[in-house]
């Protein structure tokens, strides 16, 4: 998927350890390298979500590191994909456990009135709706963060059509249509003969 292509995978051996990186941050909280090392160590240990905070801190301290910005955007996209999967699962569970009233008796009948306030259905509905809303909110936040990261990359590399395309697709997923349209138009100006140009138009 797009986020897997964009996310720069790192080798699992020979990198910094979490403990060493945390010690470095504790001793030198304004040293960007400590945050870079911690983010790398966390990713190497399969803790991509945990690596977001130190990588974001590193990028804040080193805004000219465009590779790190793109890596951060890729991590946010991966996170958004995880939350999207959770939202879909919650929606399916809601439909399965609380299918609605299509096959219930009329609400004007006595039995219909008795079934209308089913406490089990209400409890399941509340649980699944809470999970759905939570996942959707986190997904939206992750997409927004990815757009912000790609905007920084696009600002640093305004003539790179690939960056504009990545920004456009991420903004579209985030429902930031204004940014998406602008980035798609910029992409077409920079690469009118690209194989994706027809689809973009």
C-alpha atoms as a PDB file:
ATOM      1  CA  UNK A   1       0.000   0.000   0.000  1.00  0.00           C
ATOM      2  CA  UNK A   2       1.003   3.627  -0.384  1.00  0.00           C
ATOM      3  CA  UNK A   3       1.984   4.095   3.244  1.00  0.00           C
ATOM      4  CA  UNK A   4       4.223   1.005   3.159  1.00  0.00           C
ATOM      5  CA  UNK A   5       5.987   2.306   0.054  1.00  0.00           C
ATOM      6  CA  UNK A   6       6.468   5.733   1.613  1.00  0.00           C
ATOM      7  CA  UNK A   7       7.597   4.482   5.001  1.00  0.00           C
ATOM      8  CA  UNK A   8      11.325   3.854   4.946  1.00  0.00           C
ATOM      9  CA  UNK A   9      11.879   0.486   6.550  1.00  0.00           C
ATOM     10  CA  UNK A  10      14.971   0.243   8.689  1.00  0.00           C
ATOM     11  CA  UNK A  11      17.177  -2.756   9.359  1.00  0.00           C
ATOM     12  CA  UNK A  12      16.489  -4.540  12.615  1.00  0.00           C
ATOM     13  CA  UNK A  13      20.080  -5.081  13.691  1.00  0.00           C
ATOM     14  CA  UNK A  14      22.960  -2.872  14.733  1.00  0.00           C
ATOM     15  CA  UNK A  15      20.914   0.210  15.551  1.00  0.00           C
ATOM     16  CA  UNK A  16      20.675   2.184  18.776  1.00  0.00           C
ATOM     17  CA  UNK A  17      18.978   0.633  21.796  1.00  0.00           C
ATOM     18  CA  UNK A  18      15.889   2.138  23.411  1.00  0.00           C
ATOM     19  CA  UNK A  19      17.617   2.476  26.764  1.00  0.00           C
ATOM     20  CA  UNK A  20      20.672   4.222  25.327  1.00  0.00           C
ATOM     21  CA  UNK A  21      18.474   6.618  23.361  1.00  0.00           C
ATOM     22  CA  UNK A  22      16.314   7.404  26.390  1.00  0.00           C
ATOM     23  CA  UNK A  23      19.456   8.046  28.461  1.00  0.00           C
ATOM     24  CA  UNK A  24      20.745  10.370  25.742  1.00  0.00           C
ATOM     25  CA  UNK A  25      17.460  12.316  25.739  1.00  0.00           C
ATOM     26  CA  UNK A  26      17.487  12.521  29.531  1.00  0.00           C
ATOM     27  CA  UNK A  27      21.036  13.884  29.534  1.00  0.00           C
ATOM     28  CA  UNK A  28      20.599  16.137  26.484  1.00  0.00           C
ATOM     29  CA  UNK A  29      16.885  16.933  25.984  1.00  0.00           C
ATOM     30  CA  UNK A  30      17.571  19.407  23.166  1.00  0.00           C
ATOM     31  CA  UNK A  31      19.843  17.103  21.179  1.00  0.00           C
ATOM     32  CA  UNK A  32      17.910  15.983  18.106  1.00  0.00           C
ATOM     33  CA  UNK A  33      19.957  12.816  17.567  1.00  0.00           C
ATOM     34  CA  UNK A  34      18.659  11.242  20.768  1.00  0.00           C
ATOM     35  CA  UNK A  35      15.085  11.483  19.492  1.00  0.00           C
ATOM     36  CA  UNK A  36      16.139  10.142  16.088  1.00  0.00           C
ATOM     37  CA  UNK A  37      17.851   7.189  17.770  1.00  0.00           C
ATOM     38  CA  UNK A  38      14.839   6.482  19.993  1.00  0.00           C
ATOM     39  CA  UNK A  39      12.450   6.567  17.038  1.00  0.00           C
ATOM     40  CA  UNK A  40      14.694   4.167  15.127  1.00  0.00           C
ATOM     41  CA  UNK A  41      15.061   1.810  18.085  1.00  0.00           C
ATOM     42  CA  UNK A  42      11.304   1.725  18.663  1.00  0.00           C
ATOM     43  CA  UNK A  43      10.642   0.969  15.001  1.00  0.00           C
ATOM     44  CA  UNK A  44      13.264  -1.763  15.037  1.00  0.00           C
ATOM     45  CA  UNK A  45      11.438  -3.277  18.010  1.00  0.00           C
ATOM     46  CA  UNK A  46       8.078  -3.210  16.225  1.00  0.00           C
ATOM     47  CA  UNK A  47       6.741  -0.203  18.134  1.00  0.00           C
ATOM     48  CA  UNK A  48       5.864   2.076  15.239  1.00  0.00           C
ATOM     49  CA  UNK A  49       3.125   3.955  17.088  1.00  0.00           C
ATOM     50  CA  UNK A  50       5.460   4.684  20.005  1.00  0.00           C
ATOM     51  CA  UNK A  51       8.098   5.978  17.596  1.00  0.00           C
ATOM     52  CA  UNK A  52       5.817   8.778  16.363  1.00  0.00           C
ATOM     53  CA  UNK A  53       6.358  11.084  19.334  1.00  0.00           C
ATOM     54  CA  UNK A  54      10.192  11.025  19.336  1.00  0.00           C
ATOM     55  CA  UNK A  55      10.311  11.241  15.536  1.00  0.00           C
ATOM     56  CA  UNK A  56       7.973  14.246  15.602  1.00  0.00           C
ATOM     57  CA  UNK A  57      10.226  15.828  18.225  1.00  0.00           C
ATOM     58  CA  UNK A  58      13.274  15.147  16.060  1.00  0.00           C
ATOM     59  CA  UNK A  59      11.588  16.722  13.039  1.00  0.00           C
ATOM     60  CA  UNK A  60      10.684  19.766  15.118  1.00  0.00           C
ATOM     61  CA  UNK A  61      14.350  20.138  16.071  1.00  0.00           C
ATOM     62  CA  UNK A  62      15.596  19.291  12.551  1.00  0.00           C
ATOM     63  CA  UNK A  63      12.951  20.613  10.146  1.00  0.00           C
ATOM     64  CA  UNK A  64      15.366  20.433   7.208  1.00  0.00           C
ATOM     65  CA  UNK A  65      15.590  16.628   7.409  1.00  0.00           C
ATOM     66  CA  UNK A  66      13.129  15.904   4.610  1.00  0.00           C
ATOM     67  CA  UNK A  67      13.688  12.140   4.731  1.00  0.00           C
ATOM     68  CA  UNK A  68      12.574  12.148   8.364  1.00  0.00           C
ATOM     69  CA  UNK A  69       9.533  14.251   7.442  1.00  0.00           C
ATOM     70  CA  UNK A  70       8.521  11.697   4.821  1.00  0.00           C
ATOM     71  CA  UNK A  71       9.138   8.861   7.244  1.00  0.00           C
ATOM     72  CA  UNK A  72       6.939  10.610   9.797  1.00  0.00           C
ATOM     73  CA  UNK A  73       4.181  11.047   7.217  1.00  0.00           C
ATOM     74  CA  UNK A  74       4.421   7.357   6.343  1.00  0.00           C
ATOM     75  CA  UNK A  75       4.097   6.392   9.998  1.00  0.00           C
ATOM     76  CA  UNK A  76       1.021   8.583  10.368  1.00  0.00           C
ATOM     77  CA  UNK A  77      -0.482   6.933   7.275  1.00  0.00           C
ATOM     78  CA  UNK A  78       0.185   3.487   8.720  1.00  0.00           C
ATOM     79  CA  UNK A  79      -1.406   4.569  11.986  1.00  0.00           C
ATOM     80  CA  UNK A  80      -4.445   5.946  10.130  1.00  0.00           C
ATOM     81  CA  UNK A  81      -4.804   2.637   8.296  1.00  0.00           C
ATOM     82  CA  UNK A  82      -4.798   0.765  11.616  1.00  0.00           C
ATOM     83  CA  UNK A  83      -7.522   2.992  13.023  1.00  0.00           C
ATOM     84  CA  UNK A  84      -9.545   2.706   9.812  1.00  0.00           C
ATOM     85  CA  UNK A  85      -9.459  -1.080  10.192  1.00  0.00           C
ATOM     86  CA  UNK A  86     -10.626  -0.721  13.797  1.00  0.00           C
ATOM     87  CA  UNK A  87     -13.465   1.580  12.730  1.00  0.00           C
ATOM     88  CA  UNK A  88     -14.624  -0.893  10.082  1.00  0.00           C
ATOM     89  CA  UNK A  89     -14.522  -3.731  12.618  1.00  0.00           C
ATOM     90  CA  UNK A  90     -16.595  -1.699  15.088  1.00  0.00           C
ATOM     91  CA  UNK A  91     -19.129  -0.844  12.392  1.00  0.00           C
ATOM     92  CA  UNK A  92     -19.462  -4.496  11.342  1.00  0.00           C
ATOM     93  CA  UNK A  93     -19.847  -5.561  14.977  1.00  0.00           C
ATOM     94  CA  UNK A  94     -22.553  -2.935  15.457  1.00  0.00           C
ATOM     95  CA  UNK A  95     -24.456  -4.167  12.411  1.00  0.00           C
ATOM     96  CA  UNK A  96     -24.108  -7.800  13.498  1.00  0.00           C
ATOM     97  CA  UNK A  97     -25.011  -7.314  17.176  1.00  0.00           C
ATOM     98  CA  UNK A  98     -27.648  -4.593  16.780  1.00  0.00           C
ATOM     99  CA  UNK A  99     -29.165  -5.148  13.327  1.00  0.00           C
ATOM    100  CA  UNK A 100     -31.953  -2.621  13.831  1.00  0.00           C
ATOM    101  CA  UNK A 101     -35.695  -2.884  13.928  1.00  0.00           C
ATOM    102  CA  UNK A 102     -36.419  -4.146  10.417  1.00  0.00           C
ATOM    103  CA  UNK A 103     -37.862  -7.420  11.697  1.00  0.00           C
ATOM    104  CA  UNK A 104     -39.372  -6.203  14.951  1.00  0.00           C
ATOM    105  CA  UNK A 105     -43.112  -5.904  15.558  1.00  0.00           C
ATOM    106  CA  UNK A 106     -44.778  -2.531  15.140  1.00  0.00           C
ATOM    107  CA  UNK A 107     -43.790  -0.074  17.861  1.00  0.00           C
ATOM    108  CA  UNK A 108     -47.494   0.616  18.461  1.00  0.00           C
ATOM    109  CA  UNK A 109     -48.124  -2.969  19.614  1.00  0.00           C
ATOM    110  CA  UNK A 110     -47.503  -4.096  23.196  1.00  0.00           C
ATOM    111  CA  UNK A 111     -44.769  -6.524  22.234  1.00  0.00           C
ATOM    112  CA  UNK A 112     -43.170  -3.920  19.979  1.00  0.00           C
ATOM    113  CA  UNK A 113     -43.104  -1.428  22.860  1.00  0.00           C
ATOM    114  CA  UNK A 114     -41.544  -4.059  25.117  1.00  0.00           C
ATOM    115  CA  UNK A 115     -38.794  -4.810  22.598  1.00  0.00           C
ATOM    116  CA  UNK A 116     -38.140  -1.144  21.823  1.00  0.00           C
ATOM    117  CA  UNK A 117     -36.149  -0.654  25.026  1.00  0.00           C
ATOM    118  CA  UNK A 118     -33.959  -3.757  24.928  1.00  0.00           C
ATOM    119  CA  UNK A 119     -31.167  -3.032  27.453  1.00  0.00           C
ATOM    120  CA  UNK A 120     -28.800  -5.555  25.833  1.00  0.00           C
ATOM    121  CA  UNK A 121     -29.132  -3.901  22.430  1.00  0.00           C
ATOM    122  CA  UNK A 122     -28.680  -0.483  23.997  1.00  0.00           C
ATOM    123  CA  UNK A 123     -25.516  -1.590  25.824  1.00  0.00           C
ATOM    124  CA  UNK A 124     -24.054  -3.202  22.694  1.00  0.00           C
ATOM    125  CA  UNK A 125     -24.945  -0.166  20.608  1.00  0.00           C
ATOM    126  CA  UNK A 126     -23.240   2.161  23.068  1.00  0.00           C
ATOM    127  CA  UNK A 127     -20.102  -0.009  23.216  1.00  0.00           C
ATOM    128  CA  UNK A 128     -19.736  -0.366  19.453  1.00  0.00           C
ATOM    129  CA  UNK A 129     -20.577   3.275  18.716  1.00  0.00           C
ATOM    130  CA  UNK A 130     -17.985   4.412  21.262  1.00  0.00           C
ATOM    131  CA  UNK A 131     -15.342   2.200  19.639  1.00  0.00           C
ATOM    132  CA  UNK A 132     -16.344   3.406  16.172  1.00  0.00           C
ATOM    133  CA  UNK A 133     -16.214   7.087  17.103  1.00  0.00           C
ATOM    134  CA  UNK A 134     -12.906   6.685  18.930  1.00  0.00           C
ATOM    135  CA  UNK A 135     -11.271   4.886  15.987  1.00  0.00           C
ATOM    136  CA  UNK A 136     -12.663   7.395  13.491  1.00  0.00           C
ATOM    137  CA  UNK A 137     -11.406  10.360  15.524  1.00  0.00           C
ATOM    138  CA  UNK A 138      -7.924   8.837  15.842  1.00  0.00           C
ATOM    139  CA  UNK A 139      -7.897   7.976  12.131  1.00  0.00           C
ATOM    140  CA  UNK A 140      -8.814  11.557  11.207  1.00  0.00           C
ATOM    141  CA  UNK A 141      -6.102  12.946  13.481  1.00  0.00           C
ATOM    142  CA  UNK A 142      -3.480  10.626  11.979  1.00  0.00           C
ATOM    143  CA  UNK A 143      -4.437  11.645   8.432  1.00  0.00           C
ATOM    144  CA  UNK A 144      -4.306  15.325   9.387  1.00  0.00           C
ATOM    145  CA  UNK A 145      -0.852  14.845  10.900  1.00  0.00           C
ATOM    146  CA  UNK A 146       0.307  13.080   7.729  1.00  0.00           C
ATOM    147  CA  UNK A 147      -0.940  16.000   5.615  1.00  0.00           C
ATOM    148  CA  UNK A 148       0.965  18.440   7.818  1.00  0.00           C
ATOM    149  CA  UNK A 149       4.157  16.395   7.406  1.00  0.00           C
ATOM    150  CA  UNK A 150       3.749  16.208   3.625  1.00  0.00           C
ATOM    151  CA  UNK A 151       3.107  19.945   3.421  1.00  0.00           C
ATOM    152  CA  UNK A 152       6.493  20.494   5.040  1.00  0.00           C
ATOM    153  CA  UNK A 153       8.106  18.159   2.505  1.00  0.00           C
ATOM    154  CA  UNK A 154       6.317  19.880  -0.389  1.00  0.00           C
ATOM    155  CA  UNK A 155       7.453  23.280   0.858  1.00  0.00           C
ATOM    156  CA  UNK A 156      11.063  22.083   0.946  1.00  0.00           C
ATOM    157  CA  UNK A 157      10.820  20.308  -2.429  1.00  0.00           C
ATOM    158  CA  UNK A 158       8.282  22.327  -4.441  1.00  0.00           C
ATOM    159  CA  UNK A 159       9.479  20.993  -7.812  1.00  0.00           C
ATOM    160  CA  UNK A 160       9.145  17.296  -6.959  1.00  0.00           C
ATOM    161  CA  UNK A 161       5.971  15.890  -8.580  1.00  0.00           C
ATOM    162  CA  UNK A 162       6.119  12.707  -6.489  1.00  0.00           C
ATOM    163  CA  UNK A 163       5.850  14.761  -3.311  1.00  0.00           C
ATOM    164  CA  UNK A 164       2.866  16.660  -4.713  1.00  0.00           C
ATOM    165  CA  UNK A 165       1.194  13.369  -5.602  1.00  0.00           C
ATOM    166  CA  UNK A 166       1.811  11.954  -2.118  1.00  0.00           C
ATOM    167  CA  UNK A 167       0.465  15.138  -0.541  1.00  0.00           C
ATOM    168  CA  UNK A 168      -2.614  15.070  -2.769  1.00  0.00           C
ATOM    169  CA  UNK A 169      -3.471  11.453  -2.025  1.00  0.00           C
ATOM    170  CA  UNK A 170      -2.940  11.900   1.698  1.00  0.00           C
ATOM    171  CA  UNK A 171      -5.029  15.079   1.762  1.00  0.00           C
ATOM    172  CA  UNK A 172      -7.780  13.312  -0.163  1.00  0.00           C
ATOM    173  CA  UNK A 173      -7.790  10.486   2.396  1.00  0.00           C
ATOM    174  CA  UNK A 174      -7.960  13.120   5.136  1.00  0.00           C
ATOM    175  CA  UNK A 175     -10.936  14.746   3.352  1.00  0.00           C
ATOM    176  CA  UNK A 176      -8.882  17.938   2.997  1.00  0.00           C
ATOM    177  CA  UNK A 177     -10.122  18.452  -0.542  1.00  0.00           C
ATOM    178  CA  UNK A 178      -8.767  21.979  -0.955  1.00  0.00           C
ATOM    179  CA  UNK A 179      -5.216  20.800  -0.294  1.00  0.00           C
ATOM    180  CA  UNK A 180      -5.755  17.699  -2.427  1.00  0.00           C
ATOM    181  CA  UNK A 181      -6.972  19.655  -5.458  1.00  0.00           C
ATOM    182  CA  UNK A 182      -4.143  22.187  -5.190  1.00  0.00           C
ATOM    183  CA  UNK A 183      -1.527  19.435  -4.925  1.00  0.00           C
ATOM    184  CA  UNK A 184      -3.027  17.481  -7.831  1.00  0.00           C
ATOM    185  CA  UNK A 185      -2.973  20.621  -9.997  1.00  0.00           C
ATOM    186  CA  UNK A 186       0.651  21.263  -9.046  1.00  0.00           C
ATOM    187  CA  UNK A 187       1.494  17.657  -9.874  1.00  0.00           C
ATOM    188  CA  UNK A 188      -0.029  18.042 -13.336  1.00  0.00           C
ATOM    189  CA  UNK A 189       1.961  21.221 -13.971  1.00  0.00           C
ATOM    190  CA  UNK A 190       5.200  19.510 -12.934  1.00  0.00           C
ATOM    191  CA  UNK A 191       4.576  16.172 -14.647  1.00  0.00           C
ATOM    192  CA  UNK A 192       1.908  16.537 -17.373  1.00  0.00           C
ATOM    193  CA  UNK A 193       3.150  13.412 -19.170  1.00  0.00           C
ATOM    194  CA  UNK A 194       3.336  11.181 -16.095  1.00  0.00           C
ATOM    195  CA  UNK A 195       1.538   7.843 -16.403  1.00  0.00           C
ATOM    196  CA  UNK A 196      -0.755   8.903 -13.530  1.00  0.00           C
ATOM    197  CA  UNK A 197      -1.668  12.244 -15.129  1.00  0.00           C
ATOM    198  CA  UNK A 198      -4.816  11.008 -16.867  1.00  0.00           C
ATOM    199  CA  UNK A 199      -6.202   9.512 -13.661  1.00  0.00           C
ATOM    200  CA  UNK A 200      -5.292  12.659 -11.739  1.00  0.00           C
ATOM    201  CA  UNK A 201      -7.156  14.829 -14.253  1.00  0.00           C
END
